[in-house]
Amino acid sequence: GAMLRHLTRKLRASGPVTVAEYMREALTNPGQGYYTRRGGVGESGDFITSPEISQVFGELIGIWYISEWMAMGKPSTFQLVELGPGRGTLTEDILRVFKQLASVLSKCDVSVHLVEVSPKLSEIQAAMLTGGKVQPNPEGESAYMKGVSKTGIPIFWYRDIQDVPPGYSFYLAHEFFDALPIHKFQRTEKGWREVLVDIDPEVPDQLRFVLSPSRTPATQNFIQAEETRDHVEVCPEAGVIVQRLASRIEKDGGAALVADYGHDGTKTDTFRGFRNHKLHDVLSAPGTADLTADVDFSYLRKMAQGRTATLGPIKQREFLKNMGIDLRLQVLLQNSGDTATREQLLHSYDMLMNPEKMGDCFNFFALLPHHRLVHPDKKDKPESKSPLPPVAGFNELLLK
């Protein structure tokens, strides 16, 4: 394909590239990148995400935000900021909950802010969320597009999280971090070496992994001194984004919820390709498959640098159970008239909760202001303050 030709030319000219650079080219190259050419999400795409499976998933996340908003004293503005919103399904499910709980949110100024680089996906999101009520924003404005949701809430689109206006915000990153480019490292007798992508001299037009002959800037900057694994994947971009989220939450309040497949610093080689829902060799036919790597939550926790408290990672099935998915399922089953709908509900519940499917490999992780978990004046007069409400999802949900 054109992408492979482009890459082999580049490699012949300038030598091997990092895995991060390879991922960046294969996924987001303006002409041939996987995400740029099409938004491969959903039944016909290469992977299916939880919101595509079940509306319950998004509704429970909507309830998580409202329960945190209430626990923090119902501030008068509420920005919902989603990173990489896919087709907009999740946002739509969350907005449905906001509409159902409109009486609770009545005195609150709610707005939605979507961080999306793909022009194609932003069109799909706009069609789904606004029914076409959107307009491009004038040059020089931070948002490149704006509209109004079907439920009457203003929505804005941005290319970068930096462009989102400051203010009390709830951030959502669902299957966002797993597609960011990673660096791969291997421990050798001579110390850490970076795994690079190069042309295979034996087979023309084929790519292969090689080790850097010596240390690279990345081996010096991204490996933690206390690392015990022999093979490590690091996503510096994820680190930068978590730092931004943490400093925004520290400054303006709010919270961030991250849902993704990942581990807590235990796994080594998780770089995968998916094409038509099947595993696909990461180095063959670049640009035609979705490339992902498991999120290392221990790295995200380190990168929050103590500016916020962190909770999790907790398995998706535990989080959804704590959020009351079982009760919600019962209500939906009772209200659905036909067998087909009921079967679909049970099937999607199984997909989300079954440890063999998404129940165990998906995790939830949150960033919250320190005062949400510890009273600032607790140590002086412990009996003065009422106990803090538990954080839903990570504990059982208690909605008054």
Protein backbone atom coordinates (compact mmCIF):
# COMPACT_ATOMS: atom_id res chain seq x y z
CA GLY A 1 0.00 0.00 0.00
CA ALA A 2 0.87 3.66 -0.28
CA MET A 3 1.59 3.91 3.45
CA LEU A 4 4.14 1.07 3.33
CA ARG A 5 5.88 2.68 0.33
CA HIS A 6 5.95 6.02 2.17
CA LEU A 7 7.47 4.36 5.28
CA THR A 8 10.08 2.29 3.43
CA ARG A 9 11.24 5.42 1.55
CA LYS A 10 11.52 7.23 4.85
CA LEU A 11 13.45 4.35 6.50
CA ARG A 12 15.87 4.03 3.56
CA ALA A 13 16.55 7.74 3.72
CA SER A 14 16.94 8.24 7.45
CA GLY A 15 17.29 4.85 9.14
CA PRO A 16 15.05 3.10 11.70
CA VAL A 17 12.29 4.99 13.53
CA THR A 18 10.90 4.65 17.06
CA VAL A 19 7.74 2.59 17.58
CA ALA A 20 6.07 5.89 18.59
CA GLU A 21 6.90 7.47 15.25
CA TYR A 22 5.74 4.34 13.40
CA MET A 23 2.41 4.39 15.29
CA ARG A 24 1.96 8.08 14.68
CA GLU A 25 2.48 7.64 10.93
CA ALA A 26 0.31 4.53 10.64
CA LEU A 27 -2.57 6.04 12.63
CA THR A 28 -2.60 9.76 11.89
CA ASN A 29 -0.63 10.47 8.69
CA PRO A 30 -2.81 13.04 6.87
CA GLY A 31 -3.05 11.04 3.63
CA GLN A 32 -2.96 7.38 4.59
CA GLY A 33 -3.35 7.14 8.39
CA TYR A 34 -5.84 4.65 9.76
CA TYR A 35 -7.83 7.23 11.77
CA THR A 36 -7.57 9.97 9.18
CA ARG A 37 -8.95 7.87 6.32
CA ARG A 38 -11.85 6.48 8.24
CA GLY A 39 -13.16 6.35 11.76
CA GLY A 40 -12.98 2.58 12.19
CA VAL A 41 -15.33 2.38 15.16
CA GLY A 42 -18.42 0.24 15.56
CA GLU A 43 -19.83 -2.94 14.07
CA SER A 44 -18.37 -2.32 10.61
CA GLY A 45 -15.06 -0.98 11.88
CA ASP A 46 -12.14 -2.83 13.36
CA PHE A 47 -13.04 -2.68 17.02
CA ILE A 48 -16.21 -2.28 19.04
CA THR A 49 -16.21 -0.09 22.12
CA SER A 50 -18.33 -0.40 25.25
CA PRO A 51 -20.66 2.54 24.44
CA GLU A 52 -21.42 0.93 21.07
CA ILE A 53 -22.49 -2.22 22.93
CA SER A 54 -24.81 -0.80 25.51
CA GLN A 55 -26.44 2.47 26.47
CA VAL A 56 -26.24 1.38 30.12
CA PHE A 57 -22.48 1.91 30.08
CA GLY A 58 -22.78 5.61 29.19
CA GLU A 59 -25.72 6.17 31.51
CA LEU A 60 -23.76 4.88 34.50
CA ILE A 61 -20.84 7.15 33.60
CA GLY A 62 -23.30 10.07 33.43
CA ILE A 63 -24.50 9.14 36.91
CA TRP A 64 -20.87 9.01 38.12
CA TYR A 65 -20.36 12.64 37.04
CA ILE A 66 -23.58 13.81 38.64
CA SER A 67 -22.83 11.99 41.88
CA GLU A 68 -19.36 13.60 42.01
CA TRP A 69 -20.86 17.01 41.14
CA MET A 70 -23.26 16.61 44.09
CA ALA A 71 -20.48 15.41 46.42
CA MET A 72 -18.51 18.54 45.55
CA GLY A 73 -21.37 20.82 46.54
CA LYS A 74 -23.16 21.31 43.19
CA PRO A 75 -20.99 24.01 41.59
CA SER A 76 -22.93 26.38 39.30
CA THR A 77 -21.06 25.44 36.09
CA PHE A 78 -20.32 22.00 34.72
CA GLN A 79 -18.08 21.46 31.69
CA LEU A 80 -18.09 17.90 30.37
CA VAL A 81 -14.84 17.47 28.43
CA GLU A 82 -14.38 14.29 26.42
CA LEU A 83 -11.05 13.32 24.85
CA GLY A 84 -11.37 11.39 21.59
CA PRO A 85 -15.16 10.92 21.66
CA GLY A 86 -15.31 8.29 18.85
CA ARG A 87 -18.71 8.46 17.18
CA GLY A 88 -20.23 10.45 20.04
CA THR A 89 -22.25 7.51 21.40
CA LEU A 90 -20.92 7.86 24.92
CA THR A 91 -21.60 11.61 25.05
CA GLU A 92 -25.12 10.97 23.77
CA ASP A 93 -25.81 8.41 26.53
CA ILE A 94 -24.43 10.81 29.17
CA LEU A 95 -26.59 13.66 27.82
CA ARG A 96 -29.65 11.39 28.06
CA VAL A 97 -28.98 11.01 31.80
CA PHE A 98 -28.48 14.76 32.17
CA LYS A 99 -31.86 15.30 30.51
CA GLN A 100 -33.53 12.72 32.78
CA LEU A 101 -32.02 14.45 35.81
CA ALA A 102 -32.69 17.96 34.48
CA SER A 103 -34.45 18.93 37.72
CA VAL A 104 -31.26 18.15 39.69
CA LEU A 105 -29.08 20.12 37.24
CA SER A 106 -31.61 22.94 36.76
CA LYS A 107 -29.56 25.74 38.33
CA CYS A 108 -26.34 24.52 36.71
CA ASP A 109 -24.80 25.86 33.52
CA VAL A 110 -23.89 22.67 31.58
CA SER A 111 -21.75 22.60 28.41
CA VAL A 112 -19.96 19.88 26.42
CA HIS A 113 -16.42 20.19 25.05
CA LEU A 114 -15.10 17.55 22.66
CA VAL A 115 -11.38 17.22 21.91
CA GLU A 116 -11.22 15.60 18.46
CA VAL A 117 -8.47 15.77 15.83
CA SER A 118 -10.22 13.76 13.09
CA PRO A 119 -12.40 15.95 10.82
CA LYS A 120 -14.28 12.83 9.75
CA LEU A 121 -15.16 11.76 13.28
CA SER A 122 -16.16 15.29 14.31
CA GLU A 123 -18.73 15.25 11.48
CA ILE A 124 -20.11 11.90 12.71
CA GLN A 125 -20.27 13.26 16.29
CA ALA A 126 -22.02 16.45 15.15
CA ALA A 127 -24.64 14.49 13.20
CA MET A 128 -25.30 12.17 16.15
CA LEU A 129 -25.36 14.78 18.92
CA THR A 130 -26.92 17.82 17.28
CA GLY A 131 -28.84 16.32 14.39
CA GLY A 132 -26.86 18.65 12.16
CA LYS A 133 -27.24 21.89 14.15
CA VAL A 134 -23.57 22.93 13.94
CA GLN A 135 -21.52 25.75 12.52
CA PRO A 136 -17.80 26.26 11.97
CA ASN A 137 -16.30 28.78 14.36
CA PRO A 138 -14.40 31.80 13.00
CA GLU A 139 -10.59 31.48 12.74
CA GLY A 140 -8.84 32.61 15.90
CA GLU A 141 -11.52 31.14 18.18
CA SER A 142 -10.28 28.26 20.34
CA ALA A 143 -13.12 25.93 19.23
CA TYR A 144 -13.18 25.04 15.51
CA MET A 145 -16.86 24.09 15.50
CA LYS A 146 -19.86 24.59 17.76
CA GLY A 147 -23.45 23.41 17.98
CA VAL A 148 -26.35 22.63 20.27
CA SER A 149 -27.24 19.13 21.42
CA LYS A 150 -30.69 17.69 20.73
CA THR A 151 -31.30 18.24 24.46
CA GLY A 152 -30.37 21.93 24.19
CA ILE A 153 -26.84 21.88 25.63
CA PRO A 154 -24.07 23.84 23.85
CA ILE A 155 -21.28 21.69 22.36
CA PHE A 156 -17.82 22.86 21.23
CA TRP A 157 -15.07 21.04 19.29
CA TYR A 158 -11.30 21.53 19.80
CA ARG A 159 -8.12 20.04 18.37
CA ASP A 160 -6.21 20.12 21.65
CA ILE A 161 -7.04 19.94 25.36
CA GLN A 162 -5.11 23.20 25.81
CA ASP A 163 -7.81 24.98 23.77
CA VAL A 164 -10.63 23.98 26.16
CA PRO A 165 -11.52 26.98 28.33
CA PRO A 166 -10.51 26.71 32.00
CA GLY A 167 -13.20 26.18 34.61
CA TYR A 168 -14.85 23.54 36.76
CA SER A 169 -14.72 20.48 34.48
CA PHE A 170 -15.34 16.76 34.38
CA TYR A 171 -13.00 15.01 31.99
CA LEU A 172 -13.65 11.70 30.26
CA ALA A 173 -11.11 9.55 28.41
CA HIS A 174 -12.66 6.29 27.24
CA GLU A 175 -10.35 4.23 25.01
CA PHE A 176 -8.35 7.37 24.35
CA PHE A 177 -4.96 6.65 25.92
CA ASP A 178 -4.59 3.20 24.30
CA ALA A 179 -4.19 4.71 20.82
CA LEU A 180 -1.46 7.21 21.76
CA PRO A 181 2.02 6.38 20.43
CA ILE A 182 4.29 4.34 22.70
CA HIS A 183 8.04 3.89 22.94
CA LYS A 184 9.26 0.32 23.53
CA PHE A 185 12.38 -0.56 25.50
CA GLN A 186 14.35 -3.75 26.09
CA ARG A 187 16.84 -4.38 28.90
CA THR A 188 20.12 -5.85 27.60
CA GLU A 189 23.53 -6.72 29.14
CA LYS A 190 24.65 -3.28 27.97
CA GLY A 191 21.70 -1.48 29.58
CA TRP A 192 18.40 -0.23 28.15
CA ARG A 193 17.94 -0.17 24.37
CA GLU A 194 14.99 1.22 22.43
CA VAL A 195 13.02 -1.07 20.10
CA LEU A 196 12.92 0.50 16.62
CA VAL A 197 11.17 -0.27 13.33
CA ASP A 198 13.33 -0.86 10.24
CA ILE A 199 13.28 -2.46 6.80
CA ASP A 200 14.02 -6.18 6.77
CA PRO A 201 17.16 -6.60 4.62
CA GLU A 202 16.23 -10.24 3.83
CA VAL A 203 12.73 -9.41 2.61
CA PRO A 204 12.21 -6.25 0.56
CA ASP A 205 9.12 -4.19 1.50
CA GLN A 206 8.82 -5.90 4.86
CA LEU A 207 9.34 -4.23 8.21
CA ARG A 208 10.94 -5.69 11.33
CA PHE A 209 11.83 -4.69 14.90
CA VAL A 210 15.49 -3.93 15.73
CA LEU A 211 17.22 -2.72 18.90
CA SER A 212 18.95 0.66 18.97
CA PRO A 213 22.73 0.14 18.88
CA SER A 214 23.19 2.47 21.86
CA ARG A 215 21.08 4.49 24.28
CA THR A 216 18.56 6.92 22.77
CA PRO A 217 17.19 10.16 24.29
CA ALA A 218 14.05 8.20 25.11
CA THR A 219 15.90 5.49 27.09
CA GLN A 220 17.41 8.23 29.24
CA ASN A 221 14.17 10.18 29.73
CA PHE A 222 11.37 7.65 30.00
CA ILE A 223 12.64 4.70 32.03
CA GLN A 224 12.07 5.00 35.78
CA ALA A 225 15.13 4.24 37.91
CA GLU A 226 13.20 1.67 39.98
CA GLU A 227 11.97 -0.31 36.91
CA THR A 228 12.09 -4.08 37.44
CA ARG A 229 10.67 -5.32 34.11
CA ASP A 230 12.93 -6.32 31.20
CA HIS A 231 10.62 -4.98 28.53
CA VAL A 232 8.74 -1.70 28.99
CA GLU A 233 6.30 0.39 26.97
CA VAL A 234 6.03 4.09 27.78
CA CYS A 235 3.59 6.61 26.38
CA PRO A 236 5.06 10.09 26.99
CA GLU A 237 2.06 11.78 25.35
CA ALA A 238 -0.24 10.14 27.92
CA GLY A 239 2.05 11.48 30.64
CA VAL A 240 1.78 15.02 29.28
CA ILE A 241 -2.03 14.83 29.05
CA VAL A 242 -2.34 13.49 32.61
CA GLN A 243 -0.13 16.34 33.83
CA ARG A 244 -2.46 18.81 32.09
CA LEU A 245 -5.57 17.17 33.53
CA ALA A 246 -4.06 17.07 37.02
CA SER A 247 -3.03 20.72 37.01
CA ARG A 248 -6.45 21.81 35.67
CA ILE A 249 -8.28 19.79 38.33
CA GLU A 250 -5.95 21.15 41.03
CA LYS A 251 -6.62 24.71 39.86
CA ASP A 252 -10.32 24.69 38.83
CA GLY A 253 -11.79 21.61 40.52
CA GLY A 254 -13.69 18.76 38.90
CA ALA A 255 -12.49 15.23 38.20
CA ALA A 256 -11.24 12.97 35.42
CA LEU A 257 -12.42 9.46 34.66
CA VAL A 258 -10.23 7.23 32.50
CA ALA A 259 -11.61 3.93 31.17
CA ASP A 260 -9.33 1.74 29.12
CA TYR A 261 -7.72 -1.64 28.89
CA GLY A 262 -4.51 -1.67 30.79
CA HIS A 263 -2.50 -2.81 33.77
CA ASP A 264 -0.83 -1.36 36.84
CA GLY A 265 2.79 -1.54 35.75
CA THR A 266 2.89 -5.34 35.50
CA LYS A 267 2.69 -6.10 31.77
CA THR A 268 5.49 -5.86 29.22
CA ASP A 269 4.63 -6.36 25.54
CA THR A 270 1.06 -5.27 24.76
CA PHE A 271 1.47 -3.56 21.36
CA ARG A 272 -1.31 -4.97 19.13
CA GLY A 273 -2.96 -4.48 15.77
CA PHE A 274 -6.66 -5.10 15.05
CA ARG A 275 -8.28 -5.47 11.66
CA ASN A 276 -11.88 -6.57 11.19
CA HIS A 277 -12.06 -7.53 14.89
CA LYS A 278 -9.09 -9.91 14.54
CA LEU A 279 -5.51 -9.58 15.74
CA HIS A 280 -3.31 -8.27 12.95
CA ASP A 281 0.51 -8.17 12.69
CA VAL A 282 1.47 -4.64 13.81
CA LEU A 283 4.15 -4.29 11.14
CA SER A 284 2.22 -5.51 8.10
CA ALA A 285 0.09 -3.24 5.89
CA PRO A 286 0.48 -0.12 8.08
CA GLY A 287 -2.45 2.28 7.89
CA THR A 288 -5.01 -0.50 7.40
CA ALA A 289 -5.21 -1.70 11.01
CA ASP A 290 -5.90 -0.09 14.35
CA LEU A 291 -2.79 -0.11 16.56
CA THR A 292 -3.08 0.04 20.34
CA ALA A 293 -1.14 -0.69 23.51
CA ASP A 294 -2.44 -1.35 27.02
CA VAL A 295 -2.44 1.68 29.28
CA ASP A 296 0.09 1.57 32.12
CA PHE A 297 -1.92 3.10 34.96
CA SER A 298 1.11 3.12 37.29
CA TYR A 299 2.74 5.54 34.83
CA LEU A 300 -0.38 7.75 34.77
CA ARG A 301 -0.37 7.80 38.58
CA LYS A 302 3.31 8.88 38.61
CA MET A 303 2.60 11.57 36.04
CA ALA A 304 -0.19 13.10 38.14
CA GLN A 305 2.80 14.03 40.35
CA GLY A 306 0.70 14.28 43.49
CA ARG A 307 -1.22 17.31 42.16
CA THR A 308 -4.43 15.31 42.48
CA ALA A 309 -5.46 12.17 44.30
CA THR A 310 -5.83 9.07 42.11
CA LEU A 311 -8.22 6.13 42.48
CA GLY A 312 -7.91 2.76 40.77
CA PRO A 313 -7.32 1.12 38.42
CA ILE A 314 -10.36 -0.99 39.29
CA LYS A 315 -11.78 -3.68 36.98
CA GLN A 316 -14.68 -2.56 34.78
CA ARG A 317 -17.01 -5.20 36.20
CA GLU A 318 -16.36 -4.01 39.77
CA PHE A 319 -16.84 -0.37 38.78
CA LEU A 320 -20.13 -1.04 36.94
CA LYS A 321 -21.36 -3.29 39.77
CA ASN A 322 -20.64 -0.51 42.28
CA MET A 323 -22.50 1.90 39.98
CA GLY A 324 -25.61 -0.28 40.19
CA ILE A 325 -25.59 -1.93 36.74
CA ASP A 326 -27.54 -4.94 38.05
CA LEU A 327 -30.49 -2.86 39.18
CA ARG A 328 -30.41 -0.83 35.94
CA LEU A 329 -30.44 -4.07 33.92
CA GLN A 330 -33.47 -5.37 35.85
CA VAL A 331 -35.40 -2.15 35.19
CA LEU A 332 -34.59 -2.24 31.47
CA LEU A 333 -35.51 -5.93 31.20
CA GLN A 334 -38.87 -5.26 32.87
CA ASN A 335 -39.55 -2.34 30.55
CA SER A 336 -38.60 -4.08 27.29
CA GLY A 337 -41.56 -5.61 25.53
CA ASP A 338 -39.90 -8.09 23.18
CA THR A 339 -37.56 -11.06 23.51
CA ALA A 340 -35.06 -9.66 20.99
CA THR A 341 -34.48 -6.52 23.07
CA ARG A 342 -34.11 -8.57 26.24
CA GLU A 343 -31.60 -10.90 24.57
CA GLN A 344 -29.64 -7.89 23.31
CA LEU A 345 -29.57 -6.43 26.84
CA LEU A 346 -28.34 -9.68 28.38
CA HIS A 347 -25.76 -10.10 25.62
CA SER A 348 -24.38 -6.60 26.12
CA TYR A 349 -24.37 -7.03 29.91
CA ASP A 350 -22.30 -10.18 29.42
CA MET A 351 -19.86 -8.37 27.09
CA LEU A 352 -19.31 -5.62 29.66
CA MET A 353 -19.18 -7.77 32.81
CA ASN A 354 -17.83 -11.20 31.85
CA PRO A 355 -14.21 -11.52 33.09
CA GLU A 356 -13.39 -13.41 29.87
CA LYS A 357 -14.69 -10.53 27.72
CA MET A 358 -14.38 -6.88 28.82
CA GLY A 359 -15.07 -7.28 32.55
CA ASP A 360 -11.48 -7.83 33.63
CA CYS A 361 -9.29 -6.31 30.92
CA PHE A 362 -10.96 -2.90 31.07
CA ASN A 363 -10.15 -0.66 34.00
CA PHE A 364 -11.40 2.57 35.51
CA PHE A 365 -9.07 5.16 36.98
CA ALA A 366 -9.89 8.60 38.38
CA LEU A 367 -8.15 11.87 39.21
CA LEU A 368 -9.80 13.91 41.97
CA PRO A 369 -8.84 16.98 44.03
CA HIS A 370 -7.16 15.96 47.31
CA HIS A 371 -9.88 17.65 49.37
CA ARG A 372 -12.44 15.31 47.81
CA LEU A 373 -10.85 12.45 49.76
CA VAL A 374 -9.31 14.17 52.79
CA HIS A 375 -10.75 17.11 54.71
CA PRO A 376 -8.15 19.87 54.74
CA ASP A 377 -8.85 20.59 58.42
CA LYS A 378 -9.41 16.99 59.53
CA LYS A 379 -6.25 16.80 61.60
CA ASP A 380 -7.07 19.82 63.80
CA LYS A 381 -10.64 18.99 64.80
CA PRO A 382 -11.57 15.55 63.49
CA GLU A 383 -15.13 15.58 64.86
CA SER A 384 -16.17 18.88 63.29
CA LYS A 385 -16.77 17.81 59.69
CA SER A 386 -19.32 15.33 58.38
CA PRO A 387 -17.66 12.33 56.71
CA LEU A 388 -16.93 12.73 53.00
CA PRO A 389 -19.32 10.85 50.70
CA PRO A 390 -17.66 7.80 49.11
CA VAL A 391 -16.58 8.08 45.46
CA ALA A 392 -19.11 6.15 43.36
CA GLY A 393 -17.81 3.29 41.23
CA PHE A 394 -14.75 2.87 43.41
CA ASN A 395 -17.11 2.30 46.34
CA GLU A 396 -20.80 1.47 46.22
CA LEU A 397 -22.95 4.25 44.82
CA LEU A 398 -25.01 6.01 47.49
CA LEU A 399 -27.35 8.49 45.87
CA LYS A 400 -29.40 10.35 48.44
